[in-house]
């Protein structure tokens, strides 16, 4: 764009030229920075897909057989607004009463969003599993009383007898779970 000499000296022209150059510099800087960020992100370690173990309706008996006692199994879901807080409360209670007991979280709807599954529960779960299958079959396999509500807790005490319920167990249930011989 060409301007005649009298307009080049006007303050408005100077501001436009400065804005044009600073905009160009900003755009160039953003492009360079995004290239560096993309290169850095490619080298950054990522959580492995193996961190999410598969779980189907036939996994429940095998999981029960291999878990040490006591143990906590939490069936949760990503669409449940209270489940992350319930998992944190259960994790804190488990740490206080039986810190060596495993806490397994099974996400009933996490197969479609593995990154969100990891981000939501990996900090509280000793094992994080993702269910993929028919929900009705899973519910029937775990407990005939389970209607699909989450969080669904399974507390396995030292004798192996499970206490199953919707919602966070009461303090007395936790005490019985932790210390029943």
C-alpha atoms as a PDB file:
ATOM      1  CA  UNK A   1       0.000   0.000   0.000  1.00  0.00           C
ATOM      2  CA  UNK A   2       1.442   3.300  -0.974  1.00  0.00           C
ATOM      3  CA  UNK A   3       0.773   6.552   0.808  1.00  0.00           C
ATOM      4  CA  UNK A   4       1.699  10.019  -0.206  1.00  0.00           C
ATOM      5  CA  UNK A   5       4.400  11.834   1.797  1.00  0.00           C
ATOM      6  CA  UNK A   6       2.096  14.053   3.878  1.00  0.00           C
ATOM      7  CA  UNK A   7       0.280  11.015   5.290  1.00  0.00           C
ATOM      8  CA  UNK A   8       3.440   9.061   6.149  1.00  0.00           C
ATOM      9  CA  UNK A   9       4.291  11.528   8.871  1.00  0.00           C
ATOM     10  CA  UNK A  10       0.867  11.423  10.505  1.00  0.00           C
ATOM     11  CA  UNK A  11       0.645   9.648  13.892  1.00  0.00           C
ATOM     12  CA  UNK A  12      -2.192   7.454  12.617  1.00  0.00           C
ATOM     13  CA  UNK A  13      -0.011   6.079   9.827  1.00  0.00           C
ATOM     14  CA  UNK A  14       2.782   5.305  12.291  1.00  0.00           C
ATOM     15  CA  UNK A  15       0.415   3.421  14.571  1.00  0.00           C
ATOM     16  CA  UNK A  16      -0.953   1.390  11.662  1.00  0.00           C
ATOM     17  CA  UNK A  17       2.542   0.488  10.506  1.00  0.00           C
ATOM     18  CA  UNK A  18       3.559  -0.493  14.029  1.00  0.00           C
ATOM     19  CA  UNK A  19       0.431  -2.585  14.460  1.00  0.00           C
ATOM     20  CA  UNK A  20       1.033  -4.279  11.119  1.00  0.00           C
ATOM     21  CA  UNK A  21       4.619  -5.179  12.062  1.00  0.00           C
ATOM     22  CA  UNK A  22       3.726  -6.251  15.573  1.00  0.00           C
ATOM     23  CA  UNK A  23       0.875  -8.398  14.227  1.00  0.00           C
ATOM     24  CA  UNK A  24       3.277 -10.018  11.768  1.00  0.00           C
ATOM     25  CA  UNK A  25       5.805 -10.580  14.561  1.00  0.00           C
ATOM     26  CA  UNK A  26       3.128 -12.026  16.793  1.00  0.00           C
ATOM     27  CA  UNK A  27       1.923 -14.393  14.082  1.00  0.00           C
ATOM     28  CA  UNK A  28       5.477 -15.507  13.310  1.00  0.00           C
ATOM     29  CA  UNK A  29       6.177 -16.054  16.987  1.00  0.00           C
ATOM     30  CA  UNK A  30       3.018 -18.093  17.405  1.00  0.00           C
ATOM     31  CA  UNK A  31       3.897 -20.286  14.448  1.00  0.00           C
ATOM     32  CA  UNK A  32       7.389 -20.880  15.778  1.00  0.00           C
ATOM     33  CA  UNK A  33       6.127 -21.554  19.277  1.00  0.00           C
ATOM     34  CA  UNK A  34       3.519 -24.012  18.040  1.00  0.00           C
ATOM     35  CA  UNK A  35       6.217 -25.877  16.149  1.00  0.00           C
ATOM     36  CA  UNK A  36       8.345 -26.098  19.266  1.00  0.00           C
ATOM     37  CA  UNK A  37       5.350 -27.156  21.342  1.00  0.00           C
ATOM     38  CA  UNK A  38       4.405 -29.866  18.858  1.00  0.00           C
ATOM     39  CA  UNK A  39       7.977 -31.152  18.786  1.00  0.00           C
ATOM     40  CA  UNK A  40       8.165 -31.079  22.582  1.00  0.00           C
ATOM     41  CA  UNK A  41       4.800 -32.820  22.918  1.00  0.00           C
ATOM     42  CA  UNK A  42       5.958 -35.598  20.603  1.00  0.00           C
ATOM     43  CA  UNK A  43       8.889 -36.299  22.959  1.00  0.00           C
ATOM     44  CA  UNK A  44       6.881 -35.986  26.200  1.00  0.00           C
ATOM     45  CA  UNK A  45       6.100 -39.303  27.890  1.00  0.00           C
ATOM     46  CA  UNK A  46       2.459 -40.316  27.622  1.00  0.00           C
ATOM     47  CA  UNK A  47       0.389 -42.571  29.761  1.00  0.00           C
ATOM     48  CA  UNK A  48       0.321 -45.999  28.217  1.00  0.00           C
ATOM     49  CA  UNK A  49      -2.887 -47.580  27.010  1.00  0.00           C
ATOM     50  CA  UNK A  50      -1.868 -50.604  29.077  1.00  0.00           C
ATOM     51  CA  UNK A  51      -2.586 -48.551  32.208  1.00  0.00           C
ATOM     52  CA  UNK A  52      -6.257 -49.206  31.489  1.00  0.00           C
ATOM     53  CA  UNK A  53      -6.928 -52.882  31.840  1.00  0.00           C
ATOM     54  CA  UNK A  54      -9.822 -54.350  29.863  1.00  0.00           C
ATOM     55  CA  UNK A  55     -12.783 -55.638  31.824  1.00  0.00           C
ATOM     56  CA  UNK A  56     -15.741 -57.591  30.514  1.00  0.00           C
ATOM     57  CA  UNK A  57     -18.534 -59.573  32.097  1.00  0.00           C
ATOM     58  CA  UNK A  58     -16.303 -62.654  32.440  1.00  0.00           C
ATOM     59  CA  UNK A  59     -13.573 -60.674  34.281  1.00  0.00           C
ATOM     60  CA  UNK A  60     -15.437 -60.392  37.583  1.00  0.00           C
ATOM     61  CA  UNK A  61     -14.909 -63.971  38.876  1.00  0.00           C
ATOM     62  CA  UNK A  62     -11.228 -63.846  37.889  1.00  0.00           C
ATOM     63  CA  UNK A  63     -10.751 -60.493  39.628  1.00  0.00           C
ATOM     64  CA  UNK A  64     -12.407 -61.786  42.813  1.00  0.00           C
ATOM     65  CA  UNK A  65     -10.155 -64.851  42.792  1.00  0.00           C
ATOM     66  CA  UNK A  66      -6.910 -62.908  42.364  1.00  0.00           C
ATOM     67  CA  UNK A  67      -7.470 -59.967  44.722  1.00  0.00           C
ATOM     68  CA  UNK A  68      -5.821 -60.163  48.125  1.00  0.00           C
ATOM     69  CA  UNK A  69      -8.025 -59.525  51.149  1.00  0.00           C
ATOM     70  CA  UNK A  70      -9.056 -56.947  52.210  1.00  0.00           C
ATOM     71  CA  UNK A  71      -9.723 -55.111  48.949  1.00  0.00           C
ATOM     72  CA  UNK A  72     -12.020 -52.442  47.531  1.00  0.00           C
ATOM     73  CA  UNK A  73     -13.640 -52.569  44.109  1.00  0.00           C
ATOM     74  CA  UNK A  74     -15.451 -49.490  42.882  1.00  0.00           C
ATOM     75  CA  UNK A  75     -17.685 -49.594  39.834  1.00  0.00           C
ATOM     76  CA  UNK A  76     -17.856 -46.034  38.585  1.00  0.00           C
ATOM     77  CA  UNK A  77     -18.752 -44.098  35.472  1.00  0.00           C
ATOM     78  CA  UNK A  78     -17.538 -40.969  33.741  1.00  0.00           C
ATOM     79  CA  UNK A  79     -21.046 -39.520  33.488  1.00  0.00           C
ATOM     80  CA  UNK A  80     -21.564 -39.771  37.273  1.00  0.00           C
ATOM     81  CA  UNK A  81     -21.013 -36.350  38.897  1.00  0.00           C
ATOM     82  CA  UNK A  82     -20.487 -37.733  42.426  1.00  0.00           C
ATOM     83  CA  UNK A  83     -18.241 -40.671  41.550  1.00  0.00           C
ATOM     84  CA  UNK A  84     -14.838 -38.895  41.556  1.00  0.00           C
ATOM     85  CA  UNK A  85     -15.505 -37.499  45.045  1.00  0.00           C
ATOM     86  CA  UNK A  86     -16.745 -40.891  46.256  1.00  0.00           C
ATOM     87  CA  UNK A  87     -13.562 -42.472  44.903  1.00  0.00           C
ATOM     88  CA  UNK A  88     -11.393 -39.898  46.704  1.00  0.00           C
ATOM     89  CA  UNK A  89     -13.259 -40.445  49.991  1.00  0.00           C
ATOM     90  CA  UNK A  90     -12.926 -44.210  49.640  1.00  0.00           C
ATOM     91  CA  UNK A  91      -9.235 -43.837  48.816  1.00  0.00           C
ATOM     92  CA  UNK A  92      -8.650 -41.688  51.916  1.00  0.00           C
ATOM     93  CA  UNK A  93     -10.569 -44.115  54.134  1.00  0.00           C
ATOM     94  CA  UNK A  94      -8.709 -47.102  52.718  1.00  0.00           C
ATOM     95  CA  UNK A  95      -5.367 -45.312  53.272  1.00  0.00           C
ATOM     96  CA  UNK A  96      -6.285 -44.612  56.878  1.00  0.00           C
ATOM     97  CA  UNK A  97      -7.575 -48.102  57.732  1.00  0.00           C
ATOM     98  CA  UNK A  98      -5.804 -50.551  55.403  1.00  0.00           C
ATOM     99  CA  UNK A  99      -3.207 -48.784  53.227  1.00  0.00           C
ATOM    100  CA  UNK A 100      -1.974 -52.033  51.683  1.00  0.00           C
ATOM    101  CA  UNK A 101      -5.414 -53.068  50.460  1.00  0.00           C
ATOM    102  CA  UNK A 102      -5.831 -52.684  46.706  1.00  0.00           C
ATOM    103  CA  UNK A 103      -8.456 -50.321  45.358  1.00  0.00           C
ATOM    104  CA  UNK A 104      -9.654 -51.361  41.934  1.00  0.00           C
ATOM    105  CA  UNK A 105     -11.764 -48.935  39.916  1.00  0.00           C
ATOM    106  CA  UNK A 106     -13.842 -50.367  37.081  1.00  0.00           C
ATOM    107  CA  UNK A 107     -15.251 -47.713  34.771  1.00  0.00           C
ATOM    108  CA  UNK A 108     -18.494 -48.869  33.240  1.00  0.00           C
ATOM    109  CA  UNK A 109     -18.401 -46.283  30.446  1.00  0.00           C
ATOM    110  CA  UNK A 110     -14.716 -45.405  30.049  1.00  0.00           C
ATOM    111  CA  UNK A 111     -13.938 -47.319  26.858  1.00  0.00           C
ATOM    112  CA  UNK A 112     -14.882 -44.375  24.640  1.00  0.00           C
ATOM    113  CA  UNK A 113     -12.643 -41.855  26.437  1.00  0.00           C
ATOM    114  CA  UNK A 114      -9.479 -43.511  27.794  1.00  0.00           C
ATOM    115  CA  UNK A 115      -7.666 -40.219  28.464  1.00  0.00           C
ATOM    116  CA  UNK A 116     -10.502 -38.922  30.624  1.00  0.00           C
ATOM    117  CA  UNK A 117     -10.713 -42.293  32.364  1.00  0.00           C
ATOM    118  CA  UNK A 118      -7.051 -42.120  33.338  1.00  0.00           C
ATOM    119  CA  UNK A 119      -7.239 -38.464  34.386  1.00  0.00           C
ATOM    120  CA  UNK A 120     -10.305 -39.014  36.549  1.00  0.00           C
ATOM    121  CA  UNK A 121      -9.264 -42.081  38.529  1.00  0.00           C
ATOM    122  CA  UNK A 122      -5.625 -43.019  38.096  1.00  0.00           C
ATOM    123  CA  UNK A 123      -4.558 -41.075  41.198  1.00  0.00           C
ATOM    124  CA  UNK A 124      -6.814 -43.146  43.489  1.00  0.00           C
ATOM    125  CA  UNK A 125      -6.824 -46.582  41.881  1.00  0.00           C
ATOM    126  CA  UNK A 126      -4.212 -49.259  42.348  1.00  0.00           C
ATOM    127  CA  UNK A 127      -5.734 -50.845  39.244  1.00  0.00           C
ATOM    128  CA  UNK A 128      -7.868 -49.056  36.691  1.00  0.00           C
ATOM    129  CA  UNK A 129     -10.087 -51.190  34.498  1.00  0.00           C
ATOM    130  CA  UNK A 130     -12.473 -50.242  31.718  1.00  0.00           C
ATOM    131  CA  UNK A 131     -15.604 -52.236  30.997  1.00  0.00           C
ATOM    132  CA  UNK A 132     -16.553 -52.942  27.421  1.00  0.00           C
ATOM    133  CA  UNK A 133     -19.668 -55.022  26.927  1.00  0.00           C
ATOM    134  CA  UNK A 134     -23.330 -55.248  27.802  1.00  0.00           C
ATOM    135  CA  UNK A 135     -24.061 -53.399  31.067  1.00  0.00           C
ATOM    136  CA  UNK A 136     -26.977 -55.676  31.981  1.00  0.00           C
ATOM    137  CA  UNK A 137     -24.758 -58.753  31.777  1.00  0.00           C
ATOM    138  CA  UNK A 138     -22.111 -57.091  33.965  1.00  0.00           C
ATOM    139  CA  UNK A 139     -24.691 -56.126  36.582  1.00  0.00           C
ATOM    140  CA  UNK A 140     -26.098 -59.646  36.664  1.00  0.00           C
ATOM    141  CA  UNK A 141     -22.582 -61.077  37.004  1.00  0.00           C
ATOM    142  CA  UNK A 142     -21.568 -58.760  39.870  1.00  0.00           C
ATOM    143  CA  UNK A 143     -24.800 -58.697  41.876  1.00  0.00           C
ATOM    144  CA  UNK A 144     -28.483 -59.277  41.127  1.00  0.00           C
ATOM    145  CA  UNK A 145     -29.235 -56.286  43.403  1.00  0.00           C
ATOM    146  CA  UNK A 146     -27.140 -53.882  41.309  1.00  0.00           C
ATOM    147  CA  UNK A 147     -29.381 -51.838  39.029  1.00  0.00           C
ATOM    148  CA  UNK A 148     -26.574 -49.913  37.354  1.00  0.00           C
ATOM    149  CA  UNK A 149     -26.304 -46.972  39.730  1.00  0.00           C
ATOM    150  CA  UNK A 150     -22.821 -45.638  40.387  1.00  0.00           C
ATOM    151  CA  UNK A 151     -20.791 -45.503  42.477  1.00  0.00           C
ATOM    152  CA  UNK A 152     -21.233 -49.179  43.353  1.00  0.00           C
ATOM    153  CA  UNK A 153     -18.842 -50.360  46.053  1.00  0.00           C
ATOM    154  CA  UNK A 154     -17.690 -53.894  46.763  1.00  0.00           C
ATOM    155  CA  UNK A 155     -15.766 -54.208  50.026  1.00  0.00           C
ATOM    156  CA  UNK A 156     -13.991 -57.542  50.344  1.00  0.00           C
ATOM    157  CA  UNK A 157     -12.990 -58.158  53.962  1.00  0.00           C
ATOM    158  CA  UNK A 158     -10.348 -60.599  55.190  1.00  0.00           C
ATOM    159  CA  UNK A 159     -12.759 -63.529  55.100  1.00  0.00           C
ATOM    160  CA  UNK A 160     -13.600 -62.697  51.493  1.00  0.00           C
ATOM    161  CA  UNK A 161     -17.269 -62.036  52.026  1.00  0.00           C
ATOM    162  CA  UNK A 162     -18.286 -59.005  49.975  1.00  0.00           C
ATOM    163  CA  UNK A 163     -20.349 -56.068  51.138  1.00  0.00           C
ATOM    164  CA  UNK A 164     -21.965 -54.517  48.072  1.00  0.00           C
ATOM    165  CA  UNK A 165     -23.846 -51.270  47.971  1.00  0.00           C
ATOM    166  CA  UNK A 166     -24.596 -48.136  46.016  1.00  0.00           C
ATOM    167  CA  UNK A 167     -22.885 -45.044  47.367  1.00  0.00           C
ATOM    168  CA  UNK A 168     -20.029 -44.625  49.795  1.00  0.00           C
ATOM    169  CA  UNK A 169     -20.144 -47.152  52.657  1.00  0.00           C
ATOM    170  CA  UNK A 170     -20.807 -45.865  56.161  1.00  0.00           C
ATOM    171  CA  UNK A 171     -18.009 -45.560  58.735  1.00  0.00           C
ATOM    172  CA  UNK A 172     -19.122 -48.749  60.503  1.00  0.00           C
ATOM    173  CA  UNK A 173     -18.974 -50.710  57.253  1.00  0.00           C
ATOM    174  CA  UNK A 174     -15.447 -49.479  56.623  1.00  0.00           C
ATOM    175  CA  UNK A 175     -14.402 -50.466  60.163  1.00  0.00           C
ATOM    176  CA  UNK A 176     -15.896 -53.921  59.767  1.00  0.00           C
ATOM    177  CA  UNK A 177     -14.215 -54.294  56.387  1.00  0.00           C
ATOM    178  CA  UNK A 178     -10.823 -53.310  57.706  1.00  0.00           C
ATOM    179  CA  UNK A 179     -10.746 -55.217  60.982  1.00  0.00           C
ATOM    180  CA  UNK A 180     -13.061 -58.228  60.663  1.00  0.00           C
ATOM    181  CA  UNK A 181     -10.998 -61.395  60.978  1.00  0.00           C
END
